[in-house]
Amino acid sequence: CLENSAKCNGTVECKDGSDEKDCFHKCQDNQFQCANDQCVDINNKCDGANDCGDGSDEQNCCHLEYFKCLTTGKCLPPQHLCDGTPDCSDPGIFDNSDESQC
């Protein structure tokens, strides 16, 4: 939909995202790489707004009062923190991050 200079520049400019599809670029350290390969500021991840356009910056986010497990990515309510049970663990994956800062 655009000139070649606009392809793979890290910003989705076509409605269908075709200008950023199949690009092999990496976002900067202060950016989040969206599923559509767009780069957005890392502070926009899990902020409640669809900054990527595909919703990927809002996936796998915990509610503000919840704890996100370091290895499994589970979201736990506060009452599961420091309760003596590693609630973050999954079968075959040990994650005691909910018990490590007690």
Foldseek 3Di string as FASTA:
>chain_A
DDDLVQACPQDQDDLVLVSDAPHDDDDDPQWDQFPSRHTDGLVQQCPPDCPVNVCRSNPLDEPPQWDQFDPQSDTHHPVQACPPDQPSDDVVGGTNVSNPPD
